[in-house]
């Protein structure tokens, strides 16, 4: 209440994931093209954590930019902005591009057989 928003578990999980990426930076990487010979990956410096948001237009996966330099409150505010824009079908390309790792709550939609697909070369989807 002191900060003008209700902090959710998701914002804490996003921050925890970012802190873990400091300890294990290789997880925050992108794979090269599937036909690369030899295969390779690139470790990404910033923690742009994608989150899944269910909307009337379908599932979208925008990302919170540079989570390592944001507080839990700032992350929460960004999640609220992204959710509002997603539900109004007003996300910008920059909101969706550039994610480096995804955090998904697969239980909300109620799927029995989730098949997460890494987005944009990301190497990990945490659920």
Foldseek 3Di string as FASTA:
>chain_A
DVLPDDQDVVLVVLLVVVVVCVVVQVLLWFWDDPPDVVTDIGRDDAAFEWEWAQEPVGIATFTDTRSPPDDSSRSRVVVVVVNVCVNVVNDDPNRRPDHREYEYDVPPVPDPDDDDDDPPRHDYYHD
